PDB file of N, CA and C in Angstrom:
ATOM      1  N   UNK A   1     -29.178  -9.609  28.280  1.00  0.00           N
ATOM      2  CA  UNK A   1     -27.983  -9.512  27.460  1.00  0.00           C
ATOM      3  C   UNK A   1     -27.907  -8.184  26.720  1.00  0.00           C
ATOM      4  N   UNK A   2     -28.923  -7.338  26.829  1.00  0.00           N
ATOM      5  CA  UNK A   2     -28.892  -6.067  26.116  1.00  0.00           C
ATOM      6  C   UNK A   2     -27.925  -5.077  26.748  1.00  0.00           C
ATOM      7  N   UNK A   3     -27.477  -5.324  28.010  1.00  0.00           N
ATOM      8  CA  UNK A   3     -26.514  -4.425  28.617  1.00  0.00           C
ATOM      9  C   UNK A   3     -25.080  -4.901  28.421  1.00  0.00           C
ATOM     10  N   UNK A   4     -24.825  -5.656  27.388  1.00  0.00           N
ATOM     11  CA  UNK A   4     -23.443  -6.054  27.100  1.00  0.00           C
ATOM     12  C   UNK A   4     -22.640  -4.842  26.679  1.00  0.00           C
ATOM     13  N   UNK A   5     -21.433  -4.791  27.154  1.00  0.00           N
ATOM     14  CA  UNK A   5     -20.541  -3.692  26.790  1.00  0.00           C
ATOM     15  C   UNK A   5     -19.343  -4.284  26.059  1.00  0.00           C
ATOM     16  N   UNK A   6     -19.057  -3.740  24.894  1.00  0.00           N
ATOM     17  CA  UNK A   6     -17.903  -4.192  24.105  1.00  0.00           C
ATOM     18  C   UNK A   6     -16.734  -3.249  24.362  1.00  0.00           C
ATOM     19  N   UNK A   7     -15.581  -3.825  24.636  1.00  0.00           N
ATOM     20  CA  UNK A   7     -14.368  -3.054  24.888  1.00  0.00           C
ATOM     21  C   UNK A   7     -13.319  -3.487  23.867  1.00  0.00           C
ATOM     22  N   UNK A   8     -12.838  -2.541  23.021  1.00  0.00           N
ATOM     23  CA  UNK A   8     -11.827  -2.918  22.023  1.00  0.00           C
ATOM     24  C   UNK A   8     -10.419  -2.901  22.614  1.00  0.00           C
ATOM     25  N   UNK A   9      -9.639  -3.921  22.279  1.00  0.00           N
ATOM     26  CA  UNK A   9      -8.233  -3.999  22.649  1.00  0.00           C
ATOM     27  C   UNK A   9      -7.416  -4.229  21.396  1.00  0.00           C
ATOM     28  N   UNK A  10      -6.263  -3.591  21.353  1.00  0.00           N
ATOM     29  CA  UNK A  10      -5.335  -3.867  20.255  1.00  0.00           C
ATOM     30  C   UNK A  10      -4.683  -5.198  20.566  1.00  0.00           C
ATOM     31  N   UNK A  11      -4.709  -6.089  19.615  1.00  0.00           N
ATOM     32  CA  UNK A  11      -4.242  -7.450  19.841  1.00  0.00           C
ATOM     33  C   UNK A  11      -2.727  -7.501  19.969  1.00  0.00           C
ATOM     34  N   UNK A  12      -2.227  -8.070  21.065  1.00  0.00           N
ATOM     35  CA  UNK A  12      -0.791  -8.200  21.286  1.00  0.00           C
ATOM     36  C   UNK A  12      -0.361  -9.629  21.572  1.00  0.00           C
ATOM     37  N   UNK A  13      -1.245 -10.595  21.505  1.00  0.00           N
ATOM     38  CA  UNK A  13      -0.806 -11.974  21.677  1.00  0.00           C
ATOM     39  C   UNK A  13      -1.495 -12.701  22.813  1.00  0.00           C
ATOM     40  N   UNK A  14      -0.863 -13.780  23.267  1.00  0.00           N
ATOM     41  CA  UNK A  14      -1.478 -14.672  24.264  1.00  0.00           C
ATOM     42  C   UNK A  14      -1.816 -13.990  25.594  1.00  0.00           C
ATOM     43  N   UNK A  15      -1.057 -12.999  25.990  1.00  0.00           N
ATOM     44  CA  UNK A  15      -1.325 -12.332  27.268  1.00  0.00           C
ATOM     45  C   UNK A  15      -2.704 -11.682  27.266  1.00  0.00           C
ATOM     46  N   UNK A  16      -3.074 -11.066  26.172  1.00  0.00           N
ATOM     47  CA  UNK A  16      -4.373 -10.408  26.103  1.00  0.00           C
ATOM     48  C   UNK A  16      -5.504 -11.432  26.070  1.00  0.00           C
ATOM     49  N   UNK A  17      -5.256 -12.581  25.485  1.00  0.00           N
ATOM     50  CA  UNK A  17      -6.275 -13.640  25.478  1.00  0.00           C
ATOM     51  C   UNK A  17      -6.564 -14.098  26.909  1.00  0.00           C
ATOM     52  N   UNK A  18      -5.535 -14.171  27.731  1.00  0.00           N
ATOM     53  CA  UNK A  18      -5.732 -14.563  29.137  1.00  0.00           C
ATOM     54  C   UNK A  18      -6.564 -13.516  29.868  1.00  0.00           C
ATOM     55  N   UNK A  19      -6.291 -12.246  29.565  1.00  0.00           N
ATOM     56  CA  UNK A  19      -7.079 -11.173  30.185  1.00  0.00           C
ATOM     57  C   UNK A  19      -8.528 -11.265  29.725  1.00  0.00           C
ATOM     58  N   UNK A  20      -8.750 -11.551  28.442  1.00  0.00           N
ATOM     59  CA  UNK A  20     -10.112 -11.668  27.912  1.00  0.00           C
ATOM     60  C   UNK A  20     -10.859 -12.807  28.584  1.00  0.00           C
ATOM     61  N   UNK A  21     -10.142 -13.886  28.908  1.00  0.00           N
ATOM     62  CA  UNK A  21     -10.784 -15.020  29.582  1.00  0.00           C
ATOM     63  C   UNK A  21     -11.282 -14.644  30.972  1.00  0.00           C
ATOM     64  N   UNK A  22     -10.670 -13.663  31.616  1.00  0.00           N
ATOM     65  CA  UNK A  22     -11.124 -13.214  32.928  1.00  0.00           C
ATOM     66  C   UNK A  22     -12.519 -12.600  32.869  1.00  0.00           C
ATOM     67  N   UNK A  23     -12.895 -12.073  31.698  1.00  0.00           N
ATOM     68  CA  UNK A  23     -14.191 -11.412  31.545  1.00  0.00           C
ATOM     69  C   UNK A  23     -15.299 -12.355  31.087  1.00  0.00           C
ATOM     70  N   UNK A  24     -15.000 -13.639  30.911  1.00  0.00           N
ATOM     71  CA  UNK A  24     -16.051 -14.599  30.537  1.00  0.00           C
ATOM     72  C   UNK A  24     -17.077 -14.671  31.649  1.00  0.00           C
ATOM     73  N   UNK A  25     -18.326 -14.727  31.270  1.00  0.00           N
ATOM     74  CA  UNK A  25     -19.399 -14.792  32.249  1.00  0.00           C
ATOM     75  C   UNK A  25     -19.840 -13.427  32.755  1.00  0.00           C
ATOM     76  N   UNK A  26     -19.222 -12.357  32.257  1.00  0.00           N
ATOM     77  CA  UNK A  26     -19.649 -11.004  32.631  1.00  0.00           C
ATOM     78  C   UNK A  26     -20.353 -10.376  31.442  1.00  0.00           C
ATOM     79  N   UNK A  27     -20.836  -9.171  31.631  1.00  0.00           N
ATOM     80  CA  UNK A  27     -21.487  -8.474  30.507  1.00  0.00           C
ATOM     81  C   UNK A  27     -20.477  -7.676  29.686  1.00  0.00           C
ATOM     82  N   UNK A  28     -19.186  -7.838  29.977  1.00  0.00           N
ATOM     83  CA  UNK A  28     -18.131  -7.149  29.218  1.00  0.00           C
ATOM     84  C   UNK A  28     -17.575  -8.115  28.179  1.00  0.00           C
ATOM     85  N   UNK A  29     -17.641  -7.709  26.936  1.00  0.00           N
ATOM     86  CA  UNK A  29     -17.108  -8.511  25.824  1.00  0.00           C
ATOM     87  C   UNK A  29     -15.881  -7.815  25.264  1.00  0.00           C
ATOM     88  N   UNK A  30     -14.879  -8.597  24.894  1.00  0.00           N
ATOM     89  CA  UNK A  30     -13.626  -8.061  24.375  1.00  0.00           C
ATOM     90  C   UNK A  30     -13.639  -8.169  22.848  1.00  0.00           C
ATOM     91  N   UNK A  31     -13.330  -7.070  22.196  1.00  0.00           N
ATOM     92  CA  UNK A  31     -13.194  -7.043  20.736  1.00  0.00           C
ATOM     93  C   UNK A  31     -11.723  -6.792  20.423  1.00  0.00           C
ATOM     94  N   UNK A  32     -11.128  -7.659  19.630  1.00  0.00           N
ATOM     95  CA  UNK A  32      -9.725  -7.503  19.265  1.00  0.00           C
ATOM     96  C   UNK A  32      -9.620  -6.706  17.976  1.00  0.00           C
ATOM     97  N   UNK A  33      -8.637  -5.832  17.920  1.00  0.00           N
ATOM     98  CA  UNK A  33      -8.385  -5.083  16.689  1.00  0.00           C
ATOM     99  C   UNK A  33      -6.880  -5.002  16.477  1.00  0.00           C
ATOM    100  N   UNK A  34      -6.506  -4.645  15.276  1.00  0.00           N
ATOM    101  CA  UNK A  34      -5.092  -4.575  14.932  1.00  0.00           C
ATOM    102  C   UNK A  34      -4.689  -3.148  14.609  1.00  0.00           C
ATOM    103  N   UNK A  35      -3.400  -2.860  14.742  1.00  0.00           N
ATOM    104  CA  UNK A  35      -2.905  -1.544  14.340  1.00  0.00           C
ATOM    105  C   UNK A  35      -2.414  -1.579  12.899  1.00  0.00           C
ATOM    106  N   UNK A  36      -2.279  -2.768  12.350  1.00  0.00           N
ATOM    107  CA  UNK A  36      -1.778  -2.940  10.993  1.00  0.00           C
ATOM    108  C   UNK A  36      -2.967  -3.114  10.043  1.00  0.00           C
ATOM    109  N   UNK A  37      -3.596  -2.017   9.670  1.00  0.00           N
ATOM    110  CA  UNK A  37      -4.780  -2.079   8.822  1.00  0.00           C
ATOM    111  C   UNK A  37      -4.412  -1.832   7.361  1.00  0.00           C
ATOM    112  N   UNK A  38      -5.297  -2.190   6.474  1.00  0.00           N
ATOM    113  CA  UNK A  38      -5.072  -1.962   5.049  1.00  0.00           C
ATOM    114  C   UNK A  38      -4.931  -0.472   4.770  1.00  0.00           C
ATOM    115  N   UNK A  39      -5.715   0.335   5.436  1.00  0.00           N
ATOM    116  CA  UNK A  39      -5.647   1.783   5.222  1.00  0.00           C
ATOM    117  C   UNK A  39      -4.260   2.323   5.548  1.00  0.00           C
ATOM    118  N   UNK A  40      -3.610   1.788   6.566  1.00  0.00           N
ATOM    119  CA  UNK A  40      -2.262   2.245   6.910  1.00  0.00           C
ATOM    120  C   UNK A  40      -1.216   1.754   5.918  1.00  0.00           C
ATOM    121  N   UNK A  41      -1.520   0.695   5.175  1.00  0.00           N
ATOM    122  CA  UNK A  41      -0.595   0.169   4.187  1.00  0.00           C
ATOM    123  C   UNK A  41      -0.660   0.938   2.872  1.00  0.00           C
ATOM    124  N   UNK A  42      -1.767   1.633   2.629  1.00  0.00           N
ATOM    125  CA  UNK A  42      -1.923   2.384   1.391  1.00  0.00           C
ATOM    126  C   UNK A  42      -1.087   3.654   1.436  1.00  0.00           C
ATOM    127  N   UNK A  43      -0.575   4.093   0.296  1.00  0.00           N
ATOM    128  CA  UNK A  43       0.210   5.331   0.296  1.00  0.00           C
ATOM    129  C   UNK A  43      -0.659   6.525   0.663  1.00  0.00           C
ATOM    130  N   UNK A  44      -0.044   7.496   1.322  1.00  0.00           N
ATOM    131  CA  UNK A  44      -0.779   8.695   1.746  1.00  0.00           C
ATOM    132  C   UNK A  44      -1.211   9.534   0.549  1.00  0.00           C
ATOM    133  N   UNK A  45      -0.348   9.636  -0.471  1.00  0.00           N
ATOM    134  CA  UNK A  45      -0.661  10.395  -1.676  1.00  0.00           C
ATOM    135  C   UNK A  45      -0.835   9.422  -2.830  1.00  0.00           C
ATOM    136  N   UNK A  46      -2.064   9.064  -3.161  1.00  0.00           N
ATOM    137  CA  UNK A  46      -2.243   8.144  -4.269  1.00  0.00           C
ATOM    138  C   UNK A  46      -1.716   8.748  -5.566  1.00  0.00           C
ATOM    139  N   UNK A  47      -1.320   7.872  -6.480  1.00  0.00           N
ATOM    140  CA  UNK A  47      -0.762   8.345  -7.746  1.00  0.00           C
ATOM    141  C   UNK A  47      -1.786   9.159  -8.518  1.00  0.00           C
ATOM    142  N   UNK A  48      -1.297  10.106  -9.243  1.00  0.00           N
ATOM    143  CA  UNK A  48      -2.134  10.951 -10.074  1.00  0.00           C
ATOM    144  C   UNK A  48      -2.772  10.100 -11.177  1.00  0.00           C
ATOM    145  N   UNK A  49      -4.078  10.047 -11.226  1.00  0.00           N
ATOM    146  CA  UNK A  49      -4.762   9.215 -12.211  1.00  0.00           C
ATOM    147  C   UNK A  49      -4.634   9.778 -13.625  1.00  0.00           C
ATOM    148  N   UNK A  50      -4.300  11.061 -13.745  1.00  0.00           N
ATOM    149  CA  UNK A  50      -4.102  11.647 -15.060  1.00  0.00           C
ATOM    150  C   UNK A  50      -2.765  11.213 -15.651  1.00  0.00           C
ATOM    151  N   UNK A  51      -1.796  10.942 -14.810  1.00  0.00           N
ATOM    152  CA  UNK A  51      -0.456  10.546 -15.225  1.00  0.00           C
ATOM    153  C   UNK A  51      -0.001   9.391 -14.341  1.00  0.00           C
ATOM    154  N   UNK A  52      -0.570   8.214 -14.513  1.00  0.00           N
ATOM    155  CA  UNK A  52      -0.285   7.124 -13.582  1.00  0.00           C
ATOM    156  C   UNK A  52       1.101   6.524 -13.777  1.00  0.00           C
ATOM    157  N   UNK A  53       1.557   5.836 -12.733  1.00  0.00           N
ATOM    158  CA  UNK A  53       2.788   5.076 -12.830  1.00  0.00           C
ATOM    159  C   UNK A  53       2.434   3.695 -13.363  1.00  0.00           C
ATOM    160  N   UNK A  54       3.458   2.891 -13.614  1.00  0.00           N
ATOM    161  CA  UNK A  54       3.166   1.538 -14.053  1.00  0.00           C
ATOM    162  C   UNK A  54       4.203   0.996 -15.014  1.00  0.00           C
ATOM    163  N   UNK A  55       3.776   0.081 -15.847  1.00  0.00           N
ATOM    164  CA  UNK A  55       4.639  -0.571 -16.829  1.00  0.00           C
ATOM    165  C   UNK A  55       4.439   0.125 -18.166  1.00  0.00           C
ATOM    166  N   UNK A  56       5.537   0.333 -18.870  1.00  0.00           N
ATOM    167  CA  UNK A  56       5.447   1.049 -20.137  1.00  0.00           C
ATOM    168  C   UNK A  56       6.369   0.392 -21.160  1.00  0.00           C
ATOM    169  N   UNK A  57       6.151   0.731 -22.418  1.00  0.00           N
ATOM    170  CA  UNK A  57       6.950   0.195 -23.521  1.00  0.00           C
ATOM    171  C   UNK A  57       7.346   1.350 -24.438  1.00  0.00           C
ATOM    172  N   UNK A  58       8.632   1.407 -24.771  1.00  0.00           N
ATOM    173  CA  UNK A  58       9.134   2.408 -25.709  1.00  0.00           C
ATOM    174  C   UNK A  58       9.707   1.673 -26.924  1.00  0.00           C
ATOM    175  N   UNK A  59       9.362   2.151 -28.125  1.00  0.00           N
ATOM    176  CA  UNK A  59       9.833   1.512 -29.349  1.00  0.00           C
ATOM    177  C   UNK A  59      10.776   2.457 -30.086  1.00  0.00           C
ATOM    178  N   UNK A  60      11.932   1.931 -30.499  1.00  0.00           N
ATOM    179  CA  UNK A  60      12.913   2.713 -31.243  1.00  0.00           C
ATOM    180  C   UNK A  60      12.450   2.830 -32.695  1.00  0.00           C
ATOM    181  N   UNK A  61      12.396   4.049 -33.206  1.00  0.00           N
ATOM    182  CA  UNK A  61      11.979   4.265 -34.597  1.00  0.00           C
ATOM    183  C   UNK A  61      13.044   3.816 -35.593  1.00  0.00           C
ATOM    184  N   UNK A  62      14.290   3.701 -35.167  1.00  0.00           N
ATOM    185  CA  UNK A  62      15.380   3.320 -36.067  1.00  0.00           C
ATOM    186  C   UNK A  62      15.477   1.810 -36.241  1.00  0.00           C
ATOM    187  N   UNK A  63      15.550   1.076 -35.125  1.00  0.00           N
ATOM    188  CA  UNK A  63      15.771  -0.371 -35.214  1.00  0.00           C
ATOM    189  C   UNK A  63      14.533  -1.194 -34.859  1.00  0.00           C
ATOM    190  N   UNK A  64      13.432  -0.563 -34.487  1.00  0.00           N
ATOM    191  CA  UNK A  64      12.171  -1.207 -34.124  1.00  0.00           C
ATOM    192  C   UNK A  64      12.265  -2.102 -32.890  1.00  0.00           C
ATOM    193  N   UNK A  65      13.319  -1.954 -32.093  1.00  0.00           N
ATOM    194  CA  UNK A  65      13.406  -2.707 -30.841  1.00  0.00           C
ATOM    195  C   UNK A  65      12.568  -2.003 -29.787  1.00  0.00           C
ATOM    196  N   UNK A  66      12.069  -2.819 -28.823  1.00  0.00           N
ATOM    197  CA  UNK A  66      11.240  -2.278 -27.752  1.00  0.00           C
ATOM    198  C   UNK A  66      11.978  -2.366 -26.430  1.00  0.00           C
ATOM    199  N   UNK A  67      11.779  -1.348 -25.608  1.00  0.00           N
ATOM    200  CA  UNK A  67      12.251  -1.352 -24.229  1.00  0.00           C
ATOM    201  C   UNK A  67      11.011  -1.367 -23.348  1.00  0.00           C
ATOM    202  N   UNK A  68      10.928  -2.321 -22.429  1.00  0.00           N
ATOM    203  CA  UNK A  68       9.808  -2.397 -21.499  1.00  0.00           C
ATOM    204  C   UNK A  68      10.347  -2.084 -20.112  1.00  0.00           C
ATOM    205  N   UNK A  69       9.722  -1.139 -19.446  1.00  0.00           N
ATOM    206  CA  UNK A  69      10.183  -0.715 -18.128  1.00  0.00           C
ATOM    207  C   UNK A  69       9.033  -0.581 -17.158  1.00  0.00           C
ATOM    208  N   UNK A  70       9.399  -0.378 -15.910  1.00  0.00           N
ATOM    209  CA  UNK A  70       8.411  -0.185 -14.854  1.00  0.00           C
ATOM    210  C   UNK A  70       8.867   0.989 -14.006  1.00  0.00           C
ATOM    211  N   UNK A  71       7.943   1.824 -13.608  1.00  0.00           N
ATOM    212  CA  UNK A  71       8.288   3.001 -12.813  1.00  0.00           C
ATOM    213  C   UNK A  71       7.251   3.258 -11.738  1.00  0.00           C
ATOM    214  N   UNK A  72       7.696   3.839 -10.640  1.00  0.00           N
ATOM    215  CA  UNK A  72       6.788   4.257  -9.586  1.00  0.00           C
ATOM    216  C   UNK A  72       6.399   5.706  -9.741  1.00  0.00           C
ATOM    217  N   UNK A  73       7.158   6.432 -10.559  1.00  0.00           N
ATOM    218  CA  UNK A  73       6.821   7.836 -10.807  1.00  0.00           C
ATOM    219  C   UNK A  73       5.886   7.925 -12.012  1.00  0.00           C
ATOM    220  N   UNK A  74       5.477   9.125 -12.341  1.00  0.00           N
ATOM    221  CA  UNK A  74       4.593   9.312 -13.492  1.00  0.00           C
ATOM    222  C   UNK A  74       5.300   8.851 -14.762  1.00  0.00           C
ATOM    223  N   UNK A  75       4.565   8.200 -15.623  1.00  0.00           N
ATOM    224  CA  UNK A  75       5.142   7.708 -16.878  1.00  0.00           C
ATOM    225  C   UNK A  75       5.653   8.867 -17.723  1.00  0.00           C
ATOM    226  N   UNK A  76       4.935   9.988 -17.695  1.00  0.00           N
ATOM    227  CA  UNK A  76       5.351  11.170 -18.437  1.00  0.00           C
ATOM    228  C   UNK A  76       6.736  11.648 -17.972  1.00  0.00           C
ATOM    229  N   UNK A  77       6.944  11.660 -16.662  1.00  0.00           N
ATOM    230  CA  UNK A  77       8.242  12.058 -16.102  1.00  0.00           C
ATOM    231  C   UNK A  77       9.324  11.067 -16.514  1.00  0.00           C
ATOM    232  N   UNK A  78       9.029   9.774 -16.443  1.00  0.00           N
ATOM    233  CA  UNK A  78      10.013   8.755 -16.810  1.00  0.00           C
ATOM    234  C   UNK A  78      10.359   8.846 -18.294  1.00  0.00           C
ATOM    235  N   UNK A  79       9.383   9.137 -19.147  1.00  0.00           N
ATOM    236  CA  UNK A  79       9.627   9.294 -20.574  1.00  0.00           C
ATOM    237  C   UNK A  79      10.600  10.456 -20.826  1.00  0.00           C
ATOM    238  N   UNK A  80      10.371  11.569 -20.117  1.00  0.00           N
ATOM    239  CA  UNK A  80      11.265  12.723 -20.269  1.00  0.00           C
ATOM    240  C   UNK A  80      12.681  12.383 -19.816  1.00  0.00           C
ATOM    241  N   UNK A  81      12.810  11.545 -18.784  1.00  0.00           N
ATOM    242  CA  UNK A  81      14.137  11.106 -18.347  1.00  0.00           C
ATOM    243  C   UNK A  81      14.825  10.297 -19.438  1.00  0.00           C
ATOM    244  N   UNK A  82      14.081   9.398 -20.102  1.00  0.00           N
ATOM    245  CA  UNK A  82      14.651   8.617 -21.208  1.00  0.00           C
ATOM    246  C   UNK A  82      15.156   9.542 -22.316  1.00  0.00           C
ATOM    247  N   UNK A  83      14.358  10.528 -22.679  1.00  0.00           N
ATOM    248  CA  UNK A  83      14.746  11.468 -23.733  1.00  0.00           C
ATOM    249  C   UNK A  83      16.015  12.218 -23.327  1.00  0.00           C
ATOM    250  N   UNK A  84      16.078  12.663 -22.072  1.00  0.00           N
ATOM    251  CA  UNK A  84      17.268  13.373 -21.588  1.00  0.00           C
ATOM    252  C   UNK A  84      18.505  12.470 -21.629  1.00  0.00           C
ATOM    253  N   UNK A  85      18.361  11.195 -21.250  1.00  0.00           N
ATOM    254  CA  UNK A  85      19.490  10.252 -21.284  1.00  0.00           C
ATOM    255  C   UNK A  85      19.976  10.035 -22.721  1.00  0.00           C
ATOM    256  N   UNK A  86      19.035   9.975 -23.654  1.00  0.00           N
ATOM    257  CA  UNK A  86      19.414   9.779 -25.059  1.00  0.00           C
ATOM    258  C   UNK A  86      20.154  11.007 -25.582  1.00  0.00           C
ATOM    259  N   UNK A  87      19.665  12.192 -25.250  1.00  0.00           N
ATOM    260  CA  UNK A  87      20.308  13.433 -25.717  1.00  0.00           C
ATOM    261  C   UNK A  87      21.707  13.616 -25.146  1.00  0.00           C
ATOM    262  N   UNK A  88      21.910  13.208 -23.924  1.00  0.00           N
ATOM    263  CA  UNK A  88      23.228  13.398 -23.283  1.00  0.00           C
ATOM    264  C   UNK A  88      24.107  12.180 -23.417  1.00  0.00           C
ATOM    265  N   UNK A  89      23.657  11.168 -24.160  1.00  0.00           N
ATOM    266  CA  UNK A  89      24.417   9.910 -24.328  1.00  0.00           C
ATOM    267  C   UNK A  89      24.756   9.256 -22.998  1.00  0.00           C
ATOM    268  N   UNK A  90      23.880   9.385 -22.064  1.00  0.00           N
ATOM    269  CA  UNK A  90      24.060   8.835 -20.718  1.00  0.00           C
ATOM    270  C   UNK A  90      23.211   7.585 -20.594  1.00  0.00           C
ATOM    271  N   UNK A  91      23.618   6.513 -21.273  1.00  0.00           N
ATOM    272  CA  UNK A  91      22.812   5.275 -21.273  1.00  0.00           C
ATOM    273  C   UNK A  91      23.300   4.321 -20.255  1.00  0.00           C
TER     274      UNK A  91
END
């Protein structure tokens, strides 16, 4: 059994299982793999850890009300956008 050879196939469904069954009893073993891996699901450019995105809270100094928001961009950038909207009265 030391001369077993493993051959990887990208899994496509029942048809490949039938092909794998043809190799039963031989020294060729079929290894199934997927093209949809966790690594491919992760973003190519991870967020900057110095200025991460996420959930944030802004408190009004006048009325003490809080605004809670969520952003995919840097929080620093989103904060500057809020300030610009307030200055231009573009709420």
